[in-house]
Amino acid sequence: MQEKDILRRFLFDGLAVRGEWLNLTVSWQAAKQHHHHQHPEPVIQLLGEALVAATLLSATIKFNGNLILQAQGDGPLKSLVAQSSNKKEIRGWARCDNDSTGNNLPDLLGAGRIVLTIEPDQGEPYQGIVPLIGDRLENAVETYFTQSEQLKTRLWLFANEHQAAGLLIQELPAQQDTETQEDWTRIEALANTISKEELLTLPCEVVLHRLFNEEPVRLFTAEPISFKCRCSVEKVETTLLSLGREAVDEILAEQSEIIADCEFCSTKYHFDKVDIARVFSGATAQPNSKTQH
């Protein structure tokens, strides 16, 4: 039976290589339900692959906060964002032209870049940027690790309308010698035999046995993944306050209310003149503040 919405970490005992296996099913359905009517299938598929990548990458880092993967380009797909927190909570969105065409990364994004941002709950954010390279998202992410982290990293990312899944292997910081290089080359070659169907449909232990049945694999406890949006009326009010009362009043003079849309979950936050007066007076929002999904 397929394992759903979990991440499994694994190690190769005695080798300087670690790995992760991931399945998104219910969480993927929740993330894409706000976008599948707006975008063509290749864009939705790329969003799923980006969510898988963000989740796998966040699990390689010990931190409290969020990892954000953003793809930007001059093609029909203008921007794509995938987020994963240390709590394994994911969300994402995409923005593209209605008439967007293409099936691979260059067709959709054109000339662009991948931005990886680590936002810790405490401390300053860290950001790395790499150009879009290759036909698939994993090519650009692997380039980031090679250039920025100097760790050999390989990813396999797949998504369809039902689920999204991924596999990651990464070299552990270790003395670089001939034996270590041979180990990596062997594990990489074995992992590269994985198929889209296997990764999307088979349980983790079956996948690892098929790939590495002669290797010393140690598999760790499953970690649950869920979709969760962190938008709130309080965050929207903070944004309104940052604009200033004069700017907000100018908007209200042109329209009866201000509507803020969450791009991740499609929640709409409505603010009329009474709400704006309350916001700038410092009063707390009422539990029944006007929102609409």
C-alpha atoms as a PDB file:
ATOM      1  CA  MET A   1       0.000   0.000   0.000  1.00  0.00           C
ATOM      2  CA  GLN A   2       1.285   3.440  -0.924  1.00  0.00           C
ATOM      3  CA  GLU A   3       2.471   5.682   1.889  1.00  0.00           C
ATOM      4  CA  LYS A   4       0.890   9.128   1.687  1.00  0.00           C
ATOM      5  CA  ASP A   5       2.104  12.541   2.825  1.00  0.00           C
ATOM      6  CA  ILE A   6       5.282  11.430   4.527  1.00  0.00           C
ATOM      7  CA  LEU A   7       9.006  12.009   4.308  1.00  0.00           C
ATOM      8  CA  ARG A   8      11.476   9.198   5.023  1.00  0.00           C
ATOM      9  CA  ARG A   9      15.154   9.887   5.618  1.00  0.00           C
ATOM     10  CA  PHE A  10      17.761   7.192   5.060  1.00  0.00           C
ATOM     11  CA  LEU A  11      21.508   6.674   5.346  1.00  0.00           C
ATOM     12  CA  PHE A  12      23.976   4.294   3.776  1.00  0.00           C
ATOM     13  CA  ASP A  13      25.925   2.869   6.715  1.00  0.00           C
ATOM     14  CA  GLY A  14      29.635   3.262   6.192  1.00  0.00           C
ATOM     15  CA  LEU A  15      29.169   5.551   3.196  1.00  0.00           C
ATOM     16  CA  ALA A  16      29.229   9.350   3.086  1.00  0.00           C
ATOM     17  CA  VAL A  17      25.795   9.530   1.436  1.00  0.00           C
ATOM     18  CA  ARG A  18      22.335  10.276   2.817  1.00  0.00           C
ATOM     19  CA  GLY A  19      18.925  10.337   1.185  1.00  0.00           C
ATOM     20  CA  GLU A  20      15.270  11.288   1.448  1.00  0.00           C
ATOM     21  CA  TRP A  21      12.076   9.876  -0.067  1.00  0.00           C
ATOM     22  CA  LEU A  22       8.880  11.914  -0.178  1.00  0.00           C
ATOM     23  CA  ASN A  23       5.232  11.469  -1.103  1.00  0.00           C
ATOM     24  CA  LEU A  24       2.622  14.249  -1.242  1.00  0.00           C
ATOM     25  CA  THR A  25      -0.974  13.171  -1.819  1.00  0.00           C
ATOM     26  CA  VAL A  26      -3.603  14.881   0.369  1.00  0.00           C
ATOM     27  CA  SER A  27      -1.245  17.810   0.924  1.00  0.00           C
ATOM     28  CA  TRP A  28      -0.704  18.097  -2.849  1.00  0.00           C
ATOM     29  CA  GLN A  29      -4.441  18.050  -3.513  1.00  0.00           C
ATOM     30  CA  ALA A  30      -4.938  20.787  -0.917  1.00  0.00           C
ATOM     31  CA  ALA A  31      -2.129  22.912  -2.354  1.00  0.00           C
ATOM     32  CA  LYS A  32      -3.236  22.679  -5.977  1.00  0.00           C
ATOM     33  CA  GLN A  33      -7.004  22.992  -5.528  1.00  0.00           C
ATOM     34  CA  HIS A  34      -6.625  26.773  -5.473  1.00  0.00           C
ATOM     35  CA  HIS A  35      -4.771  26.819  -8.805  1.00  0.00           C
ATOM     36  CA  HIS A  36      -5.796  23.934 -11.076  1.00  0.00           C
ATOM     37  CA  HIS A  37      -8.651  25.877 -12.692  1.00  0.00           C
ATOM     38  CA  GLN A  38      -6.363  28.828 -13.436  1.00  0.00           C
ATOM     39  CA  HIS A  39      -3.309  27.166 -14.977  1.00  0.00           C
ATOM     40  CA  PRO A  40      -2.528  24.550 -17.658  1.00  0.00           C
ATOM     41  CA  GLU A  41      -1.408  21.095 -16.593  1.00  0.00           C
ATOM     42  CA  PRO A  42       2.359  21.620 -17.193  1.00  0.00           C
ATOM     43  CA  VAL A  43       2.319  24.588 -14.796  1.00  0.00           C
ATOM     44  CA  ILE A  44       0.471  22.602 -12.134  1.00  0.00           C
ATOM     45  CA  GLN A  45       2.928  19.735 -12.577  1.00  0.00           C
ATOM     46  CA  LEU A  46       5.865  22.108 -12.137  1.00  0.00           C
ATOM     47  CA  LEU A  47       4.250  23.510  -8.981  1.00  0.00           C
ATOM     48  CA  GLY A  48       4.042  19.972  -7.599  1.00  0.00           C
ATOM     49  CA  GLU A  49       7.685  19.321  -8.406  1.00  0.00           C
ATOM     50  CA  ALA A  50       8.657  22.608  -6.734  1.00  0.00           C
ATOM     51  CA  LEU A  51       6.757  21.676  -3.563  1.00  0.00           C
ATOM     52  CA  VAL A  52       8.547  18.328  -3.512  1.00  0.00           C
ATOM     53  CA  ALA A  53      11.913  20.044  -3.979  1.00  0.00           C
ATOM     54  CA  ALA A  54      11.245  22.599  -1.225  1.00  0.00           C
ATOM     55  CA  THR A  55      10.177  19.870   1.201  1.00  0.00           C
ATOM     56  CA  LEU A  56      13.183  17.672   0.460  1.00  0.00           C
ATOM     57  CA  LEU A  57      15.614  20.581   0.734  1.00  0.00           C
ATOM     58  CA  SER A  58      14.141  21.907   3.985  1.00  0.00           C
ATOM     59  CA  ALA A  59      14.634  18.464   5.516  1.00  0.00           C
ATOM     60  CA  THR A  60      18.388  18.654   4.832  1.00  0.00           C
ATOM     61  CA  ILE A  61      18.708  21.713   7.089  1.00  0.00           C
ATOM     62  CA  LYS A  62      18.485  21.924  10.880  1.00  0.00           C
ATOM     63  CA  PHE A  63      16.557  25.139  11.502  1.00  0.00           C
ATOM     64  CA  ASN A  64      13.277  26.585  12.748  1.00  0.00           C
ATOM     65  CA  GLY A  65      11.612  28.565  10.003  1.00  0.00           C
ATOM     66  CA  ASN A  66      10.763  28.297   6.324  1.00  0.00           C
ATOM     67  CA  LEU A  67      12.546  27.381   3.119  1.00  0.00           C
ATOM     68  CA  ILE A  68      11.228  29.174   0.045  1.00  0.00           C
ATOM     69  CA  LEU A  69      11.954  28.063  -3.511  1.00  0.00           C
ATOM     70  CA  GLN A  70      11.063  30.667  -6.120  1.00  0.00           C
ATOM     71  CA  ALA A  71      11.402  30.355  -9.893  1.00  0.00           C
ATOM     72  CA  GLN A  72      11.314  33.596 -11.890  1.00  0.00           C
ATOM     73  CA  GLY A  73      11.560  34.091 -15.635  1.00  0.00           C
ATOM     74  CA  ASP A  74      10.556  36.068 -18.708  1.00  0.00           C
ATOM     75  CA  GLY A  75       8.414  33.275 -20.176  1.00  0.00           C
ATOM     76  CA  PRO A  76       4.650  32.757 -19.861  1.00  0.00           C
ATOM     77  CA  LEU A  77       5.156  31.434 -16.314  1.00  0.00           C
ATOM     78  CA  LYS A  78       6.206  34.619 -14.547  1.00  0.00           C
ATOM     79  CA  SER A  79       6.749  33.299 -11.052  1.00  0.00           C
ATOM     80  CA  LEU A  80       6.353  30.147  -9.007  1.00  0.00           C
ATOM     81  CA  VAL A  81       6.767  29.835  -5.235  1.00  0.00           C
ATOM     82  CA  ALA A  82       6.957  26.735  -3.032  1.00  0.00           C
ATOM     83  CA  GLN A  83       7.416  26.866   0.739  1.00  0.00           C
ATOM     84  CA  SER A  84       8.140  24.234   3.366  1.00  0.00           C
ATOM     85  CA  SER A  85       8.628  24.797   7.083  1.00  0.00           C
ATOM     86  CA  ASN A  86      10.613  22.850   9.652  1.00  0.00           C
ATOM     87  CA  LYS A  87       7.190  21.569  10.814  1.00  0.00           C
ATOM     88  CA  LYS A  88       6.761  19.958   7.367  1.00  0.00           C
ATOM     89  CA  GLU A  89       3.926  22.331   6.429  1.00  0.00           C
ATOM     90  CA  ILE A  90       3.820  23.228   2.740  1.00  0.00           C
ATOM     91  CA  ARG A  91       2.115  25.738   0.457  1.00  0.00           C
ATOM     92  CA  GLY A  92       2.727  27.171  -3.033  1.00  0.00           C
ATOM     93  CA  TRP A  93       1.422  29.289  -5.893  1.00  0.00           C
ATOM     94  CA  ALA A  94       2.102  30.081  -9.533  1.00  0.00           C
ATOM     95  CA  ARG A  95       1.434  33.118 -11.712  1.00  0.00           C
ATOM     96  CA  CYS A  96       1.339  32.754 -15.487  1.00  0.00           C
ATOM     97  CA  ASP A  97      -0.256  34.080 -18.667  1.00  0.00           C
ATOM     98  CA  ASN A  98      -3.600  32.526 -19.521  1.00  0.00           C
ATOM     99  CA  ASP A  99      -2.328  31.436 -22.937  1.00  0.00           C
ATOM    100  CA  SER A 100       0.892  29.898 -21.633  1.00  0.00           C
ATOM    101  CA  THR A 101       2.203  26.939 -23.612  1.00  0.00           C
ATOM    102  CA  GLY A 102       5.135  24.601 -23.238  1.00  0.00           C
ATOM    103  CA  ASN A 103       5.949  21.437 -21.374  1.00  0.00           C
ATOM    104  CA  ASN A 104       9.397  21.984 -19.926  1.00  0.00           C
ATOM    105  CA  LEU A 105      11.223  24.530 -17.797  1.00  0.00           C
ATOM    106  CA  PRO A 106      12.724  26.647 -20.634  1.00  0.00           C
ATOM    107  CA  ASP A 107       9.387  26.836 -22.485  1.00  0.00           C
ATOM    108  CA  LEU A 108       7.496  27.940 -19.372  1.00  0.00           C
ATOM    109  CA  LEU A 109      10.002  30.216 -17.644  1.00  0.00           C
ATOM    110  CA  GLY A 110      12.293  31.296 -20.465  1.00  0.00           C
ATOM    111  CA  ALA A 111      15.472  32.962 -19.256  1.00  0.00           C
ATOM    112  CA  GLY A 112      15.281  33.127 -15.504  1.00  0.00           C
ATOM    113  CA  ARG A 113      16.621  32.073 -12.157  1.00  0.00           C
ATOM    114  CA  ILE A 114      15.942  29.989  -9.083  1.00  0.00           C
ATOM    115  CA  VAL A 115      16.001  31.776  -5.733  1.00  0.00           C
ATOM    116  CA  LEU A 116      16.341  29.680  -2.579  1.00  0.00           C
ATOM    117  CA  THR A 117      15.656  31.542   0.657  1.00  0.00           C
ATOM    118  CA  ILE A 118      15.996  30.241   4.200  1.00  0.00           C
ATOM    119  CA  GLU A 119      13.912  32.322   6.622  1.00  0.00           C
ATOM    120  CA  PRO A 120      14.731  31.329  10.213  1.00  0.00           C
ATOM    121  CA  ASP A 121      12.287  32.268  12.951  1.00  0.00           C
ATOM    122  CA  GLN A 122      15.204  33.973  14.663  1.00  0.00           C
ATOM    123  CA  GLY A 123      17.959  35.735  12.743  1.00  0.00           C
ATOM    124  CA  GLU A 124      18.504  37.052   9.259  1.00  0.00           C
ATOM    125  CA  PRO A 125      17.352  35.237   6.100  1.00  0.00           C
ATOM    126  CA  TYR A 126      19.883  33.598   3.790  1.00  0.00           C
ATOM    127  CA  GLN A 127      19.405  33.632   0.039  1.00  0.00           C
ATOM    128  CA  GLY A 128      21.075  31.841  -2.850  1.00  0.00           C
ATOM    129  CA  ILE A 129      20.459  32.473  -6.560  1.00  0.00           C
ATOM    130  CA  VAL A 130      21.293  30.310  -9.569  1.00  0.00           C
ATOM    131  CA  PRO A 131      20.311  30.617 -13.243  1.00  0.00           C
ATOM    132  CA  LEU A 132      17.766  28.261 -14.745  1.00  0.00           C
ATOM    133  CA  ILE A 133      19.786  25.419 -16.230  1.00  0.00           C
ATOM    134  CA  GLY A 134      18.528  22.355 -18.066  1.00  0.00           C
ATOM    135  CA  ASP A 135      15.052  21.185 -18.997  1.00  0.00           C
ATOM    136  CA  ARG A 136      13.920  20.289 -15.490  1.00  0.00           C
ATOM    137  CA  LEU A 137      13.673  21.998 -12.126  1.00  0.00           C
ATOM    138  CA  GLU A 138      16.011  19.547 -10.437  1.00  0.00           C
ATOM    139  CA  ASN A 139      18.843  20.580 -12.783  1.00  0.00           C
ATOM    140  CA  ALA A 140      18.806  24.130 -11.410  1.00  0.00           C
ATOM    141  CA  VAL A 141      18.508  22.997  -7.781  1.00  0.00           C
ATOM    142  CA  GLU A 142      21.414  20.581  -8.182  1.00  0.00           C
ATOM    143  CA  THR A 143      23.489  23.425  -9.624  1.00  0.00           C
ATOM    144  CA  TYR A 144      22.714  25.505  -6.539  1.00  0.00           C
ATOM    145  CA  PHE A 145      24.093  22.829  -4.220  1.00  0.00           C
ATOM    146  CA  THR A 146      27.175  22.290  -6.352  1.00  0.00           C
ATOM    147  CA  GLN A 147      27.988  26.011  -6.467  1.00  0.00           C
ATOM    148  CA  SER A 148      26.783  27.243  -3.067  1.00  0.00           C
ATOM    149  CA  GLU A 149      27.045  24.296  -0.689  1.00  0.00           C
ATOM    150  CA  GLN A 150      29.750  22.348  -2.535  1.00  0.00           C
ATOM    151  CA  LEU A 151      27.876  19.140  -1.798  1.00  0.00           C
ATOM    152  CA  LYS A 152      27.041  16.681  -4.538  1.00  0.00           C
ATOM    153  CA  THR A 153      23.234  16.468  -4.628  1.00  0.00           C
ATOM    154  CA  ARG A 154      20.815  14.697  -6.964  1.00  0.00           C
ATOM    155  CA  LEU A 155      17.035  15.005  -7.062  1.00  0.00           C
ATOM    156  CA  TRP A 156      14.263  13.201  -8.912  1.00  0.00           C
ATOM    157  CA  LEU A 157      10.985  15.152  -8.891  1.00  0.00           C
ATOM    158  CA  PHE A 158       7.658  13.986 -10.317  1.00  0.00           C
ATOM    159  CA  ALA A 159       4.030  15.122 -10.088  1.00  0.00           C
ATOM    160  CA  ASN A 160       0.697  14.302 -11.674  1.00  0.00           C
ATOM    161  CA  GLU A 161      -2.879  15.283 -10.893  1.00  0.00           C
ATOM    162  CA  HIS A 162      -3.093  12.804  -8.003  1.00  0.00           C
ATOM    163  CA  GLN A 163       0.215  13.059  -6.179  1.00  0.00           C
ATOM    164  CA  ALA A 164       3.754  14.383  -6.182  1.00  0.00           C
ATOM    165  CA  ALA A 165       6.883  12.519  -5.124  1.00  0.00           C
ATOM    166  CA  GLY A 166      10.618  12.859  -4.973  1.00  0.00           C
ATOM    167  CA  LEU A 167      13.942  11.281  -4.137  1.00  0.00           C
ATOM    168  CA  LEU A 168      17.093  13.033  -2.953  1.00  0.00           C
ATOM    169  CA  ILE A 169      20.586  11.747  -2.402  1.00  0.00           C
ATOM    170  CA  GLN A 170      23.332  13.952  -1.037  1.00  0.00           C
ATOM    171  CA  GLU A 171      26.993  13.607  -0.268  1.00  0.00           C
ATOM    172  CA  LEU A 172      27.833  14.085   3.402  1.00  0.00           C
ATOM    173  CA  PRO A 173      30.675  16.439   4.304  1.00  0.00           C
ATOM    174  CA  ALA A 174      33.627  14.084   4.409  1.00  0.00           C
ATOM    175  CA  GLN A 175      37.190  13.685   3.301  1.00  0.00           C
ATOM    176  CA  GLN A 176      37.230  13.582  -0.472  1.00  0.00           C
ATOM    177  CA  ASP A 177      39.124  10.487  -1.487  1.00  0.00           C
ATOM    178  CA  THR A 178      38.909   7.942  -4.267  1.00  0.00           C
ATOM    179  CA  GLU A 179      36.770   5.523  -2.241  1.00  0.00           C
ATOM    180  CA  THR A 180      34.245   8.233  -1.335  1.00  0.00           C
ATOM    181  CA  GLN A 181      33.955   9.252  -4.978  1.00  0.00           C
ATOM    182  CA  GLU A 182      33.437   5.651  -6.042  1.00  0.00           C
ATOM    183  CA  ASP A 183      30.687   5.220  -3.428  1.00  0.00           C
ATOM    184  CA  TRP A 184      28.891   8.333  -4.656  1.00  0.00           C
ATOM    185  CA  THR A 185      29.167   7.316  -8.301  1.00  0.00           C
ATOM    186  CA  ARG A 186      27.716   3.884  -7.528  1.00  0.00           C
ATOM    187  CA  ILE A 187      24.790   5.183  -5.417  1.00  0.00           C
ATOM    188  CA  GLU A 188      24.004   7.886  -7.986  1.00  0.00           C
ATOM    189  CA  ALA A 189      23.947   5.352 -10.823  1.00  0.00           C
ATOM    190  CA  LEU A 190      21.601   3.076  -8.870  1.00  0.00           C
ATOM    191  CA  ALA A 191      19.271   5.942  -7.932  1.00  0.00           C
ATOM    192  CA  ASN A 192      19.173   7.116 -11.526  1.00  0.00           C
ATOM    193  CA  THR A 193      17.340   3.935 -12.528  1.00  0.00           C
ATOM    194  CA  ILE A 194      14.178   5.136 -10.720  1.00  0.00           C
ATOM    195  CA  SER A 195      11.132   5.687 -12.914  1.00  0.00           C
ATOM    196  CA  LYS A 196       8.314   8.197 -12.567  1.00  0.00           C
ATOM    197  CA  GLU A 197       5.770   5.415 -12.079  1.00  0.00           C
ATOM    198  CA  GLU A 198       7.827   3.736  -9.341  1.00  0.00           C
ATOM    199  CA  LEU A 199       8.333   6.927  -7.386  1.00  0.00           C
ATOM    200  CA  LEU A 200       4.685   7.973  -7.635  1.00  0.00           C
ATOM    201  CA  THR A 201       3.108   4.610  -6.831  1.00  0.00           C
ATOM    202  CA  LEU A 202       5.401   2.459  -4.679  1.00  0.00           C
ATOM    203  CA  PRO A 203       6.025   2.593  -0.904  1.00  0.00           C
ATOM    204  CA  CYS A 204       9.370   3.877   0.283  1.00  0.00           C
ATOM    205  CA  GLU A 205      10.772   0.530   1.404  1.00  0.00           C
ATOM    206  CA  VAL A 206       9.924  -1.074  -1.929  1.00  0.00           C
ATOM    207  CA  VAL A 207      11.601   1.760  -3.829  1.00  0.00           C
ATOM    208  CA  LEU A 208      14.752   1.593  -1.714  1.00  0.00           C
ATOM    209  CA  HIS A 209      14.920  -2.193  -2.029  1.00  0.00           C
ATOM    210  CA  ARG A 210      14.606  -2.010  -5.811  1.00  0.00           C
ATOM    211  CA  LEU A 211      17.300   0.632  -6.053  1.00  0.00           C
ATOM    212  CA  PHE A 212      19.755  -0.326  -3.312  1.00  0.00           C
ATOM    213  CA  ASN A 213      19.090  -3.961  -2.357  1.00  0.00           C
ATOM    214  CA  GLU A 214      22.825  -4.677  -2.061  1.00  0.00           C
ATOM    215  CA  GLU A 215      23.635  -1.482  -0.140  1.00  0.00           C
ATOM    216  CA  PRO A 216      23.565  -0.976   3.681  1.00  0.00           C
ATOM    217  CA  VAL A 217      20.465   1.267   3.873  1.00  0.00           C
ATOM    218  CA  ARG A 218      19.236   2.487   7.271  1.00  0.00           C
ATOM    219  CA  LEU A 219      15.701   3.912   7.094  1.00  0.00           C
ATOM    220  CA  PHE A 220      14.338   6.354   9.674  1.00  0.00           C
ATOM    221  CA  THR A 221      10.850   6.975  11.054  1.00  0.00           C
ATOM    222  CA  ALA A 222       8.262   8.558   8.770  1.00  0.00           C
ATOM    223  CA  GLU A 223       7.616  12.289   9.198  1.00  0.00           C
ATOM    224  CA  PRO A 224       4.116  13.551   8.265  1.00  0.00           C
ATOM    225  CA  ILE A 225       3.642  16.348   5.713  1.00  0.00           C
ATOM    226  CA  SER A 226       0.601  18.645   5.561  1.00  0.00           C
ATOM    227  CA  PHE A 227      -0.690  21.660   3.664  1.00  0.00           C
ATOM    228  CA  LYS A 228      -1.093  24.751   5.812  1.00  0.00           C
ATOM    229  CA  CYS A 229      -1.402  28.389   4.812  1.00  0.00           C
ATOM    230  CA  ARG A 230      -0.097  30.949   7.256  1.00  0.00           C
ATOM    231  CA  CYS A 231      -2.095  33.908   6.002  1.00  0.00           C
ATOM    232  CA  SER A 232      -4.196  35.790   8.572  1.00  0.00           C
ATOM    233  CA  VAL A 233      -6.182  38.983   8.993  1.00  0.00           C
ATOM    234  CA  GLU A 234      -3.462  40.218  11.349  1.00  0.00           C
ATOM    235  CA  LYS A 235      -0.794  39.911   8.644  1.00  0.00           C
ATOM    236  CA  VAL A 236      -2.966  41.796   6.159  1.00  0.00           C
ATOM    237  CA  GLU A 237      -3.547  44.531   8.739  1.00  0.00           C
ATOM    238  CA  THR A 238       0.207  44.828   9.270  1.00  0.00           C
ATOM    239  CA  THR A 239       0.608  45.345   5.513  1.00  0.00           C
ATOM    240  CA  LEU A 240      -2.086  48.035   5.515  1.00  0.00           C
ATOM    241  CA  LEU A 241      -0.388  49.809   8.402  1.00  0.00           C
ATOM    242  CA  SER A 242       2.906  49.755   6.502  1.00  0.00           C
ATOM    243  CA  LEU A 243       1.212  51.541   3.580  1.00  0.00           C
ATOM    244  CA  GLY A 244       0.111  54.399   5.833  1.00  0.00           C
ATOM    245  CA  ARG A 245      -3.307  55.898   6.457  1.00  0.00           C
ATOM    246  CA  GLU A 246      -3.098  58.406   3.610  1.00  0.00           C
ATOM    247  CA  ALA A 247      -2.365  55.771   0.959  1.00  0.00           C
ATOM    248  CA  VAL A 248      -5.080  53.459   2.281  1.00  0.00           C
ATOM    249  CA  ASP A 249      -7.644  56.283   2.336  1.00  0.00           C
ATOM    250  CA  GLU A 250      -6.782  57.095  -1.289  1.00  0.00           C
ATOM    251  CA  ILE A 251      -7.608  53.507  -2.249  1.00  0.00           C
ATOM    252  CA  LEU A 252     -10.883  53.630  -0.320  1.00  0.00           C
ATOM    253  CA  ALA A 253     -11.814  56.878  -2.063  1.00  0.00           C
ATOM    254  CA  GLU A 254     -11.782  54.987  -5.372  1.00  0.00           C
ATOM    255  CA  GLN A 255     -13.542  51.824  -4.201  1.00  0.00           C
ATOM    256  CA  SER A 256     -15.918  50.876  -1.401  1.00  0.00           C
ATOM    257  CA  GLU A 257     -13.559  48.366   0.206  1.00  0.00           C
ATOM    258  CA  ILE A 258     -10.060  46.934   0.038  1.00  0.00           C
ATOM    259  CA  ILE A 259      -9.834  43.252  -0.859  1.00  0.00           C
ATOM    260  CA  ALA A 260      -6.613  41.365  -0.176  1.00  0.00           C
ATOM    261  CA  ASP A 261      -6.226  37.956  -1.844  1.00  0.00           C
ATOM    262  CA  CYS A 262      -3.953  35.238  -0.485  1.00  0.00           C
ATOM    263  CA  GLU A 263      -2.168  33.725  -3.476  1.00  0.00           C
ATOM    264  CA  PHE A 264      -1.519  30.490  -1.596  1.00  0.00           C
ATOM    265  CA  CYS A 265      -5.043  29.544  -0.447  1.00  0.00           C
ATOM    266  CA  SER A 266      -7.323  32.051  -2.259  1.00  0.00           C
ATOM    267  CA  THR A 267      -8.743  33.477   0.973  1.00  0.00           C
ATOM    268  CA  LYS A 268     -10.071  37.002   0.459  1.00  0.00           C
ATOM    269  CA  TYR A 269      -9.829  39.584   3.232  1.00  0.00           C
ATOM    270  CA  HIS A 270     -12.325  42.472   3.003  1.00  0.00           C
ATOM    271  CA  PHE A 271     -11.770  45.848   4.664  1.00  0.00           C
ATOM    272  CA  ASP A 272     -14.318  48.685   4.468  1.00  0.00           C
ATOM    273  CA  LYS A 273     -14.026  52.164   5.981  1.00  0.00           C
ATOM    274  CA  VAL A 274     -15.077  50.940   9.420  1.00  0.00           C
ATOM    275  CA  ASP A 275     -12.452  48.181   9.330  1.00  0.00           C
ATOM    276  CA  ILE A 276      -9.735  50.593   8.234  1.00  0.00           C
ATOM    277  CA  ALA A 277     -10.618  53.013  11.031  1.00  0.00           C
ATOM    278  CA  ARG A 278     -10.299  50.149  13.507  1.00  0.00           C
ATOM    279  CA  VAL A 279      -6.959  49.018  12.046  1.00  0.00           C
ATOM    280  CA  PHE A 280      -5.389  52.450  12.362  1.00  0.00           C
ATOM    281  CA  SER A 281      -6.867  53.008  15.823  1.00  0.00           C
ATOM    282  CA  GLY A 282      -4.995  49.956  17.063  1.00  0.00           C
ATOM    283  CA  ALA A 283      -8.095  47.939  17.957  1.00  0.00           C
ATOM    284  CA  THR A 284      -7.966  44.155  17.691  1.00  0.00           C
ATOM    285  CA  ALA A 285      -9.723  42.412  14.826  1.00  0.00           C
ATOM    286  CA  GLN A 286     -12.960  40.665  15.735  1.00  0.00           C
ATOM    287  CA  PRO A 287     -13.143  36.858  15.407  1.00  0.00           C
ATOM    288  CA  ASN A 288     -15.719  37.233  12.636  1.00  0.00           C
ATOM    289  CA  SER A 289     -13.571  39.522  10.497  1.00  0.00           C
ATOM    290  CA  LYS A 290     -14.796  39.322   6.938  1.00  0.00           C
ATOM    291  CA  THR A 291     -13.013  36.612   4.989  1.00  0.00           C
ATOM    292  CA  GLN A 292     -14.081  34.584   1.999  1.00  0.00           C
ATOM    293  CA  HIS A 293     -12.606  31.437   0.467  1.00  0.00           C
END
